[in-house]
Amino acid sequence: MTRPYSSDLRERAVALVEGGQSRHQVAKLFEVGASSVIRWCQRHRATGTCAAKAMGGRRRLILLPERDWLLARLSAAPDLTVRGCSASWVSAASK
C-alpha cells in the first residue's frame, strides 16, 4: 500500500495556494497531482488541517461466529490438525 504525502508537503502546498498561487502551479512546483492539491485545500478549508486521513482499518474476525465451536473442539482434542478440524466442520455442517 502506498504512503500518504508528508504533512510538511501538504502544509507548504496549502500555504502557497493561500498566498495567491493557483493549485495547478503549486502541483507542478511540487510534482504532485493537481487533484491532490485541490483535495488538500478543500480539507484544510473544511477542517482546519490538511493532514492525511487514517489509512487501513480493523480487519473483521472471520472465525468469530464459529469461535465457540472451534474452542470446544480444540479443548476436546488438543492435537487436532487444521485438516481434521475442517473435516469435522464439514461433517457437522452437513447434518
PDB file of N, CA and C in Angstrom:
ATOM      1  N   MET A   1       0.848  -1.164   0.000  1.00  0.00           N
ATOM      2  CA  MET A   1       0.000   0.000   0.000  1.00  0.00           C
ATOM      3  C   MET A   1       0.899   1.235   0.000  1.00  0.00           C
ATOM      4  N   THR A   2       0.503   2.217  -0.710  1.00  0.00           N
ATOM      5  CA  THR A   2       1.305   3.431  -0.786  1.00  0.00           C
ATOM      6  C   THR A   2       1.123   4.267   0.473  1.00  0.00           C
ATOM      7  N   ARG A   3       2.070   5.137   0.709  1.00  0.00           N
ATOM      8  CA  ARG A   3       2.010   6.012   1.873  1.00  0.00           C
ATOM      9  C   ARG A   3       1.475   7.374   1.455  1.00  0.00           C
ATOM     10  N   PRO A   4       0.831   8.088   2.367  1.00  0.00           N
ATOM     11  CA  PRO A   4       0.366   9.445   2.048  1.00  0.00           C
ATOM     12  C   PRO A   4       1.541  10.406   1.972  1.00  0.00           C
ATOM     13  N   TYR A   5       1.336  11.509   1.269  1.00  0.00           N
ATOM     14  CA  TYR A   5       2.356  12.547   1.222  1.00  0.00           C
ATOM     15  C   TYR A   5       2.548  13.117   2.633  1.00  0.00           C
ATOM     16  N   SER A   6       3.726  13.655   2.901  1.00  0.00           N
ATOM     17  CA  SER A   6       4.039  14.171   4.234  1.00  0.00           C
ATOM     18  C   SER A   6       3.178  15.390   4.564  1.00  0.00           C
ATOM     19  N   SER A   7       2.981  15.578   5.849  1.00  0.00           N
ATOM     20  CA  SER A   7       2.206  16.738   6.304  1.00  0.00           C
ATOM     21  C   SER A   7       2.925  18.035   5.952  1.00  0.00           C
ATOM     22  N   ASP A   8       4.257  17.995   5.986  1.00  0.00           N
ATOM     23  CA  ASP A   8       5.032  19.185   5.643  1.00  0.00           C
ATOM     24  C   ASP A   8       4.759  19.617   4.203  1.00  0.00           C
ATOM     25  N   LEU A   9       4.765  18.676   3.282  1.00  0.00           N
ATOM     26  CA  LEU A   9       4.493  18.980   1.876  1.00  0.00           C
ATOM     27  C   LEU A   9       3.084  19.531   1.719  1.00  0.00           C
ATOM     28  N   ARG A  10       2.136  18.912   2.375  1.00  0.00           N
ATOM     29  CA  ARG A  10       0.749  19.353   2.285  1.00  0.00           C
ATOM     30  C   ARG A  10       0.595  20.783   2.807  1.00  0.00           C
ATOM     31  N   GLU A  11       1.219  21.045   3.966  1.00  0.00           N
ATOM     32  CA  GLU A  11       1.103  22.380   4.568  1.00  0.00           C
ATOM     33  C   GLU A  11       1.761  23.445   3.697  1.00  0.00           C
ATOM     34  N   ARG A  12       2.924  23.121   3.109  1.00  0.00           N
ATOM     35  CA  ARG A  12       3.581  24.093   2.237  1.00  0.00           C
ATOM     36  C   ARG A  12       2.745  24.362   0.994  1.00  0.00           C
ATOM     37  N   ALA A  13       2.124  23.310   0.435  1.00  0.00           N
ATOM     38  CA  ALA A  13       1.292  23.478  -0.754  1.00  0.00           C
ATOM     39  C   ALA A  13       0.079  24.349  -0.446  1.00  0.00           C
ATOM     40  N   VAL A  14      -0.577  24.078   0.671  1.00  0.00           N
ATOM     41  CA  VAL A  14      -1.760  24.858   1.047  1.00  0.00           C
ATOM     42  C   VAL A  14      -1.369  26.309   1.325  1.00  0.00           C
ATOM     43  N   ALA A  15      -0.213  26.512   1.961  1.00  0.00           N
ATOM     44  CA  ALA A  15       0.241  27.883   2.249  1.00  0.00           C
ATOM     45  C   ALA A  15       0.492  28.658   0.957  1.00  0.00           C
ATOM     46  N   LEU A  16       1.059  28.014  -0.049  1.00  0.00           N
ATOM     47  CA  LEU A  16       1.291  28.700  -1.326  1.00  0.00           C
ATOM     48  C   LEU A  16      -0.017  29.046  -2.018  1.00  0.00           C
ATOM     49  N   VAL A  17      -0.991  28.132  -1.937  1.00  0.00           N
ATOM     50  CA  VAL A  17      -2.300  28.411  -2.545  1.00  0.00           C
ATOM     51  C   VAL A  17      -2.961  29.577  -1.819  1.00  0.00           C
ATOM     52  N   GLU A  18      -2.877  29.584  -0.498  1.00  0.00           N
ATOM     53  CA  GLU A  18      -3.450  30.694   0.266  1.00  0.00           C
ATOM     54  C   GLU A  18      -2.684  31.987   0.019  1.00  0.00           C
ATOM     55  N   GLY A  19      -1.413  31.861  -0.387  1.00  0.00           N
ATOM     56  CA  GLY A  19      -0.609  33.032  -0.704  1.00  0.00           C
ATOM     57  C   GLY A  19      -0.897  33.621  -2.071  1.00  0.00           C
ATOM     58  N   GLY A  20      -1.713  32.937  -2.867  1.00  0.00           N
ATOM     59  CA  GLY A  20      -2.115  33.511  -4.139  1.00  0.00           C
ATOM     60  C   GLY A  20      -1.791  32.691  -5.371  1.00  0.00           C
ATOM     61  N   GLN A  21      -0.993  31.635  -5.235  1.00  0.00           N
ATOM     62  CA  GLN A  21      -0.692  30.824  -6.422  1.00  0.00           C
ATOM     63  C   GLN A  21      -1.856  29.892  -6.716  1.00  0.00           C
ATOM     64  N   SER A  22      -1.948  29.485  -7.963  1.00  0.00           N
ATOM     65  CA  SER A  22      -3.029  28.568  -8.327  1.00  0.00           C
ATOM     66  C   SER A  22      -2.674  27.149  -7.887  1.00  0.00           C
ATOM     67  N   ARG A  23      -3.698  26.348  -7.749  1.00  0.00           N
ATOM     68  CA  ARG A  23      -3.496  24.966  -7.336  1.00  0.00           C
ATOM     69  C   ARG A  23      -2.668  24.200  -8.368  1.00  0.00           C
ATOM     70  N   HIS A  24      -2.883  24.485  -9.631  1.00  0.00           N
ATOM     71  CA  HIS A  24      -2.144  23.805 -10.694  1.00  0.00           C
ATOM     72  C   HIS A  24      -0.673  24.210 -10.685  1.00  0.00           C
ATOM     73  N   GLN A  25      -0.386  25.479 -10.423  1.00  0.00           N
ATOM     74  CA  GLN A  25       1.003  25.920 -10.330  1.00  0.00           C
ATOM     75  C   GLN A  25       1.714  25.234  -9.166  1.00  0.00           C
ATOM     76  N   VAL A  26       1.030  25.148  -8.042  1.00  0.00           N
ATOM     77  CA  VAL A  26       1.614  24.505  -6.858  1.00  0.00           C
ATOM     78  C   VAL A  26       1.839  23.022  -7.128  1.00  0.00           C
ATOM     79  N   ALA A  27       0.897  22.381  -7.787  1.00  0.00           N
ATOM     80  CA  ALA A  27       1.049  20.960  -8.110  1.00  0.00           C
ATOM     81  C   ALA A  27       2.262  20.743  -9.001  1.00  0.00           C
ATOM     82  N   LYS A  28       2.437  21.599  -9.979  1.00  0.00           N
ATOM     83  CA  LYS A  28       3.586  21.475 -10.879  1.00  0.00           C
ATOM     84  C   LYS A  28       4.887  21.734 -10.119  1.00  0.00           C
ATOM     85  N   LEU A  29       4.883  22.698  -9.212  1.00  0.00           N
ATOM     86  CA  LEU A  29       6.067  23.036  -8.432  1.00  0.00           C
ATOM     87  C   LEU A  29       6.523  21.862  -7.570  1.00  0.00           C
ATOM     88  N   PHE A  30       5.585  21.201  -6.913  1.00  0.00           N
ATOM     89  CA  PHE A  30       5.920  20.089  -6.015  1.00  0.00           C
ATOM     90  C   PHE A  30       5.865  18.725  -6.702  1.00  0.00           C
ATOM     91  N   GLU A  31       5.547  18.721  -7.987  1.00  0.00           N
ATOM     92  CA  GLU A  31       5.473  17.487  -8.777  1.00  0.00           C
ATOM     93  C   GLU A  31       4.496  16.471  -8.179  1.00  0.00           C
ATOM     94  N   VAL A  32       3.296  16.968  -7.867  1.00  0.00           N
ATOM     95  CA  VAL A  32       2.200  16.120  -7.405  1.00  0.00           C
ATOM     96  C   VAL A  32       1.001  16.407  -8.295  1.00  0.00           C
ATOM     97  N   GLY A  33      -0.016  15.611  -8.176  1.00  0.00           N
ATOM     98  CA  GLY A  33      -1.213  15.807  -8.973  1.00  0.00           C
ATOM     99  C   GLY A  33      -1.995  17.037  -8.543  1.00  0.00           C
ATOM    100  N   ALA A  34      -2.582  17.701  -9.503  1.00  0.00           N
ATOM    101  CA  ALA A  34      -3.389  18.884  -9.192  1.00  0.00           C
ATOM    102  C   ALA A  34      -4.575  18.499  -8.310  1.00  0.00           C
ATOM    103  N   SER A  35      -5.139  17.324  -8.546  1.00  0.00           N
ATOM    104  CA  SER A  35      -6.279  16.896  -7.725  1.00  0.00           C
ATOM    105  C   SER A  35      -5.877  16.714  -6.268  1.00  0.00           C
ATOM    106  N   SER A  36      -4.630  16.317  -6.025  1.00  0.00           N
ATOM    107  CA  SER A  36      -4.159  16.185  -4.642  1.00  0.00           C
ATOM    108  C   SER A  36      -4.137  17.541  -3.960  1.00  0.00           C
ATOM    109  N   VAL A  37      -3.585  18.535  -4.627  1.00  0.00           N
ATOM    110  CA  VAL A  37      -3.516  19.881  -4.042  1.00  0.00           C
ATOM    111  C   VAL A  37      -4.923  20.429  -3.826  1.00  0.00           C
ATOM    112  N   ILE A  38      -5.817  20.179  -4.756  1.00  0.00           N
ATOM    113  CA  ILE A  38      -7.202  20.644  -4.630  1.00  0.00           C
ATOM    114  C   ILE A  38      -7.846  19.998  -3.401  1.00  0.00           C
ATOM    115  N   ARG A  39      -7.663  18.689  -3.209  1.00  0.00           N
ATOM    116  CA  ARG A  39      -8.236  17.992  -2.047  1.00  0.00           C
ATOM    117  C   ARG A  39      -7.639  18.502  -0.744  1.00  0.00           C
ATOM    118  N   TRP A  40      -6.322  18.741  -0.734  1.00  0.00           N
ATOM    119  CA  TRP A  40      -5.672  19.251   0.479  1.00  0.00           C
ATOM    120  C   TRP A  40      -6.247  20.604   0.858  1.00  0.00           C
ATOM    121  N   CYS A  41      -6.455  21.452  -0.130  1.00  0.00           N
ATOM    122  CA  CYS A  41      -7.015  22.779   0.145  1.00  0.00           C
ATOM    123  C   CYS A  41      -8.456  22.676   0.630  1.00  0.00           C
ATOM    124  N   GLN A  42      -9.225  21.789   0.034  1.00  0.00           N
ATOM    125  CA  GLN A  42     -10.605  21.591   0.470  1.00  0.00           C
ATOM    126  C   GLN A  42     -10.653  21.075   1.900  1.00  0.00           C
ATOM    127  N   ARG A  43      -9.793  20.104   2.206  1.00  0.00           N
ATOM    128  CA  ARG A  43      -9.762  19.551   3.558  1.00  0.00           C
ATOM    129  C   ARG A  43      -9.318  20.614   4.563  1.00  0.00           C
ATOM    130  N   HIS A  44      -8.352  21.444   4.174  1.00  0.00           N
ATOM    131  CA  HIS A  44      -7.875  22.497   5.068  1.00  0.00           C
ATOM    132  C   HIS A  44      -8.971  23.523   5.324  1.00  0.00           C
ATOM    133  N   ARG A  45      -9.712  23.854   4.292  1.00  0.00           N
ATOM    134  CA  ARG A  45     -10.798  24.830   4.428  1.00  0.00           C
ATOM    135  C   ARG A  45     -11.926  24.260   5.303  1.00  0.00           C
ATOM    136  N   ALA A  46     -12.202  22.958   5.163  1.00  0.00           N
ATOM    137  CA  ALA A  46     -13.316  22.352   5.885  1.00  0.00           C
ATOM    138  C   ALA A  46     -12.973  22.007   7.334  1.00  0.00           C
ATOM    139  N   THR A  47     -11.753  21.528   7.578  1.00  0.00           N
ATOM    140  CA  THR A  47     -11.415  21.023   8.909  1.00  0.00           C
ATOM    141  C   THR A  47     -10.335  21.817   9.615  1.00  0.00           C
ATOM    142  N   GLY A  48      -9.609  22.652   8.893  1.00  0.00           N
ATOM    143  CA  GLY A  48      -8.522  23.401   9.500  1.00  0.00           C
ATOM    144  C   GLY A  48      -7.189  22.684   9.459  1.00  0.00           C
ATOM    145  N   THR A  49      -7.176  21.486   8.926  1.00  0.00           N
ATOM    146  CA  THR A  49      -5.936  20.728   8.794  1.00  0.00           C
ATOM    147  C   THR A  49      -5.913  20.044   7.433  1.00  0.00           C
ATOM    148  N   CYS A  50      -4.720  19.873   6.917  1.00  0.00           N
ATOM    149  CA  CYS A  50      -4.600  19.187   5.628  1.00  0.00           C
ATOM    150  C   CYS A  50      -3.918  17.831   5.813  1.00  0.00           C
ATOM    151  N   ALA A  51      -3.887  17.345   7.036  1.00  0.00           N
ATOM    152  CA  ALA A  51      -3.252  16.056   7.334  1.00  0.00           C
ATOM    153  C   ALA A  51      -4.000  14.927   6.640  1.00  0.00           C
ATOM    154  N   ALA A  52      -3.288  13.858   6.389  1.00  0.00           N
ATOM    155  CA  ALA A  52      -3.872  12.698   5.722  1.00  0.00           C
ATOM    156  C   ALA A  52      -4.899  12.028   6.625  1.00  0.00           C
ATOM    157  N   LYS A  53      -5.899  11.459   6.014  1.00  0.00           N
ATOM    158  CA  LYS A  53      -6.878  10.686   6.763  1.00  0.00           C
ATOM    159  C   LYS A  53      -6.231   9.368   7.175  1.00  0.00           C
ATOM    160  N   ALA A  54      -6.814   8.724   8.155  1.00  0.00           N
ATOM    161  CA  ALA A  54      -6.296   7.441   8.614  1.00  0.00           C
ATOM    162  C   ALA A  54      -6.413   6.407   7.502  1.00  0.00           C
ATOM    163  N   MET A  55      -5.404   5.555   7.391  1.00  0.00           N
ATOM    164  CA  MET A  55      -5.402   4.511   6.372  1.00  0.00           C
ATOM    165  C   MET A  55      -5.653   3.168   7.029  1.00  0.00           C
ATOM    166  N   GLY A  56      -6.168   2.250   6.240  1.00  0.00           N
ATOM    167  CA  GLY A  56      -6.396   0.909   6.757  1.00  0.00           C
ATOM    168  C   GLY A  56      -7.652   0.864   7.598  1.00  0.00           C
ATOM    169  N   GLY A  57      -7.642   0.015   8.553  1.00  0.00           N
ATOM    170  CA  GLY A  57      -8.788  -0.134   9.424  1.00  0.00           C
ATOM    171  C   GLY A  57      -8.752  -1.488  10.086  1.00  0.00           C
ATOM    172  N   ARG A  58      -9.732  -1.735  10.885  1.00  0.00           N
ATOM    173  CA  ARG A  58      -9.787  -3.024  11.569  1.00  0.00           C
ATOM    174  C   ARG A  58     -10.219  -4.098  10.607  1.00  0.00           C
ATOM    175  N   ARG A  59      -9.572  -5.207  10.720  1.00  0.00           N
ATOM    176  CA  ARG A  59      -9.990  -6.371   9.923  1.00  0.00           C
ATOM    177  C   ARG A  59     -11.049  -7.107  10.714  1.00  0.00           C
ATOM    178  N   ARG A  60     -12.096  -7.510  10.042  1.00  0.00           N
ATOM    179  CA  ARG A  60     -13.135  -8.243  10.752  1.00  0.00           C
ATOM    180  C   ARG A  60     -12.620  -9.637  11.068  1.00  0.00           C
ATOM    181  N   LEU A  61     -13.070 -10.175  12.154  1.00  0.00           N
ATOM    182  CA  LEU A  61     -12.643 -11.501  12.576  1.00  0.00           C
ATOM    183  C   LEU A  61     -13.464 -12.537  11.830  1.00  0.00           C
ATOM    184  N   ILE A  62     -12.811 -13.283  10.965  1.00  0.00           N
ATOM    185  CA  ILE A  62     -13.509 -14.204  10.080  1.00  0.00           C
ATOM    186  C   ILE A  62     -14.153 -15.352  10.852  1.00  0.00           C
ATOM    187  N   LEU A  63     -13.463 -15.877  11.852  1.00  0.00           N
ATOM    188  CA  LEU A  63     -13.966 -17.045  12.573  1.00  0.00           C
ATOM    189  C   LEU A  63     -14.776 -16.690  13.813  1.00  0.00           C
ATOM    190  N   LEU A  64     -15.149 -15.441  13.988  1.00  0.00           N
ATOM    191  CA  LEU A  64     -15.887 -15.045  15.182  1.00  0.00           C
ATOM    192  C   LEU A  64     -17.192 -15.827  15.369  1.00  0.00           C
ATOM    193  N   PRO A  65     -17.997 -16.037  14.329  1.00  0.00           N
ATOM    194  CA  PRO A  65     -19.227 -16.810  14.542  1.00  0.00           C
ATOM    195  C   PRO A  65     -18.966 -18.264  14.959  1.00  0.00           C
ATOM    196  N   GLU A  66     -17.846 -18.839  14.544  1.00  0.00           N
ATOM    197  CA  GLU A  66     -17.529 -20.229  14.859  1.00  0.00           C
ATOM    198  C   GLU A  66     -16.590 -20.360  16.049  1.00  0.00           C
ATOM    199  N   ARG A  67     -16.324 -19.271  16.736  1.00  0.00           N
ATOM    200  CA  ARG A  67     -15.323 -19.261  17.803  1.00  0.00           C
ATOM    201  C   ARG A  67     -15.644 -20.266  18.889  1.00  0.00           C
ATOM    202  N   ASP A  68     -16.875 -20.269  19.387  1.00  0.00           N
ATOM    203  CA  ASP A  68     -17.244 -21.177  20.479  1.00  0.00           C
ATOM    204  C   ASP A  68     -17.107 -22.633  20.053  1.00  0.00           C
ATOM    205  N   TRP A  69     -17.594 -22.950  18.851  1.00  0.00           N
ATOM    206  CA  TRP A  69     -17.483 -24.323  18.356  1.00  0.00           C
ATOM    207  C   TRP A  69     -16.024 -24.739  18.236  1.00  0.00           C
ATOM    208  N   LEU A  70     -15.201 -23.850  17.693  1.00  0.00           N
ATOM    209  CA  LEU A  70     -13.793 -24.162  17.477  1.00  0.00           C
ATOM    210  C   LEU A  70     -13.056 -24.352  18.802  1.00  0.00           C
ATOM    211  N   LEU A  71     -13.304 -23.484  19.783  1.00  0.00           N
ATOM    212  CA  LEU A  71     -12.651 -23.633  21.084  1.00  0.00           C
ATOM    213  C   LEU A  71     -13.085 -24.917  21.788  1.00  0.00           C
ATOM    214  N   ALA A  72     -14.364 -25.261  21.689  1.00  0.00           N
ATOM    215  CA  ALA A  72     -14.845 -26.513  22.288  1.00  0.00           C
ATOM    216  C   ALA A  72     -14.195 -27.710  21.618  1.00  0.00           C
ATOM    217  N   ARG A  73     -14.085 -27.650  20.311  1.00  0.00           N
ATOM    218  CA  ARG A  73     -13.470 -28.756  19.554  1.00  0.00           C
ATOM    219  C   ARG A  73     -11.995 -28.912  19.913  1.00  0.00           C
ATOM    220  N   LEU A  74     -11.288 -27.797  20.052  1.00  0.00           N
ATOM    221  CA  LEU A  74      -9.864 -27.856  20.392  1.00  0.00           C
ATOM    222  C   LEU A  74      -9.635 -28.280  21.841  1.00  0.00           C
ATOM    223  N   SER A  75     -10.543 -27.943  22.739  1.00  0.00           N
ATOM    224  CA  SER A  75     -10.379 -28.396  24.127  1.00  0.00           C
ATOM    225  C   SER A  75     -10.646 -29.894  24.238  1.00  0.00           C
ATOM    226  N   ALA A  76     -11.533 -30.418  23.381  1.00  0.00           N
ATOM    227  CA  ALA A  76     -11.805 -31.859  23.387  1.00  0.00           C
ATOM    228  C   ALA A  76     -10.671 -32.640  22.747  1.00  0.00           C
ATOM    229  N   ALA A  77     -10.036 -32.077  21.738  1.00  0.00           N
ATOM    230  CA  ALA A  77      -8.939 -32.766  21.039  1.00  0.00           C
ATOM    231  C   ALA A  77      -7.829 -31.759  20.778  1.00  0.00           C
ATOM    232  N   PRO A  78      -6.918 -31.541  21.744  1.00  0.00           N
ATOM    233  CA  PRO A  78      -5.891 -30.512  21.586  1.00  0.00           C
ATOM    234  C   PRO A  78      -4.901 -30.781  20.453  1.00  0.00           C
ATOM    235  N   ASP A  79      -4.775 -32.044  20.024  1.00  0.00           N
ATOM    236  CA  ASP A  79      -3.838 -32.371  18.947  1.00  0.00           C
ATOM    237  C   ASP A  79      -4.508 -32.343  17.572  1.00  0.00           C
ATOM    238  N   LEU A  80      -5.680 -31.751  17.483  1.00  0.00           N
ATOM    239  CA  LEU A  80      -6.434 -31.685  16.231  1.00  0.00           C
ATOM    240  C   LEU A  80      -5.709 -30.813  15.211  1.00  0.00           C
ATOM    241  N   THR A  81      -5.601 -31.322  13.992  1.00  0.00           N
ATOM    242  CA  THR A  81      -4.957 -30.557  12.927  1.00  0.00           C
ATOM    243  C   THR A  81      -5.990 -29.680  12.226  1.00  0.00           C
ATOM    244  N   VAL A  82      -5.499 -28.788  11.381  1.00  0.00           N
ATOM    245  CA  VAL A  82      -6.396 -27.915  10.627  1.00  0.00           C
ATOM    246  C   VAL A  82      -7.262 -28.746   9.686  1.00  0.00           C
ATOM    247  N   ARG A  83      -6.664 -29.744   9.040  1.00  0.00           N
ATOM    248  CA  ARG A  83      -7.461 -30.607   8.141  1.00  0.00           C
ATOM    249  C   ARG A  83      -8.497 -31.401   8.910  1.00  0.00           C
ATOM    250  N   GLY A  84      -8.139 -31.901  10.067  1.00  0.00           N
ATOM    251  CA  GLY A  84      -9.101 -32.634  10.887  1.00  0.00           C
ATOM    252  C   GLY A  84     -10.224 -31.739  11.356  1.00  0.00           C
ATOM    253  N   CYS A  85      -9.892 -30.532  11.727  1.00  0.00           N
ATOM    254  CA  CYS A  85     -10.895 -29.566  12.155  1.00  0.00           C
ATOM    255  C   CYS A  85     -11.822 -29.217  10.999  1.00  0.00           C
ATOM    256  N   SER A  86     -11.246 -29.040   9.823  1.00  0.00           N
ATOM    257  CA  SER A  86     -12.038 -28.720   8.640  1.00  0.00           C
ATOM    258  C   SER A  86     -12.980 -29.871   8.285  1.00  0.00           C
ATOM    259  N   ALA A  87     -12.470 -31.094   8.382  1.00  0.00           N
ATOM    260  CA  ALA A  87     -13.300 -32.250   8.066  1.00  0.00           C
ATOM    261  C   ALA A  87     -14.452 -32.375   9.053  1.00  0.00           C
ATOM    262  N   SER A  88     -14.196 -32.135  10.339  1.00  0.00           N
ATOM    263  CA  SER A  88     -15.274 -32.229  11.324  1.00  0.00           C
ATOM    264  C   SER A  88     -16.277 -31.086  11.141  1.00  0.00           C
ATOM    265  N   TRP A  89     -15.809 -29.913  10.672  1.00  0.00           N
ATOM    266  CA  TRP A  89     -16.707 -28.802  10.406  1.00  0.00           C
ATOM    267  C   TRP A  89     -17.647 -29.131   9.248  1.00  0.00           C
ATOM    268  N   VAL A  90     -17.092 -29.742   8.203  1.00  0.00           N
ATOM    269  CA  VAL A  90     -17.902 -30.099   7.037  1.00  0.00           C
ATOM    270  C   VAL A  90     -18.939 -31.142   7.427  1.00  0.00           C
ATOM    271  N   SER A  91     -18.526 -32.138   8.210  1.00  0.00           N
ATOM    272  CA  SER A  91     -19.486 -33.178   8.606  1.00  0.00           C
ATOM    273  C   SER A  91     -20.542 -32.608   9.552  1.00  0.00           C
ATOM    274  N   ALA A  92     -20.166 -31.656  10.409  1.00  0.00           N
ATOM    275  CA  ALA A  92     -21.145 -31.052  11.317  1.00  0.00           C
ATOM    276  C   ALA A  92     -22.096 -30.131  10.556  1.00  0.00           C
ATOM    277  N   ALA A  93     -21.605 -29.462   9.538  1.00  0.00           N
ATOM    278  CA  ALA A  93     -22.445 -28.545   8.764  1.00  0.00           C
ATOM    279  C   ALA A  93     -23.414 -29.287   7.862  1.00  0.00           C
ATOM    280  N   SER A  94     -23.051 -30.497   7.439  1.00  0.00           N
ATOM    281  CA  SER A  94     -23.925 -31.234   6.524  1.00  0.00           C
ATOM    282  C   SER A  94     -25.060 -31.922   7.255  1.00  0.00           C
ATOM    283  N   LYS A  95     -24.994 -32.003   8.577  1.00  0.00           N
ATOM    284  CA  LYS A  95     -26.060 -32.657   9.355  1.00  0.00           C
ATOM    285  C   LYS A  95     -27.230 -31.756   9.560  1.00  0.00           C
TER     286      LYS A  95
END
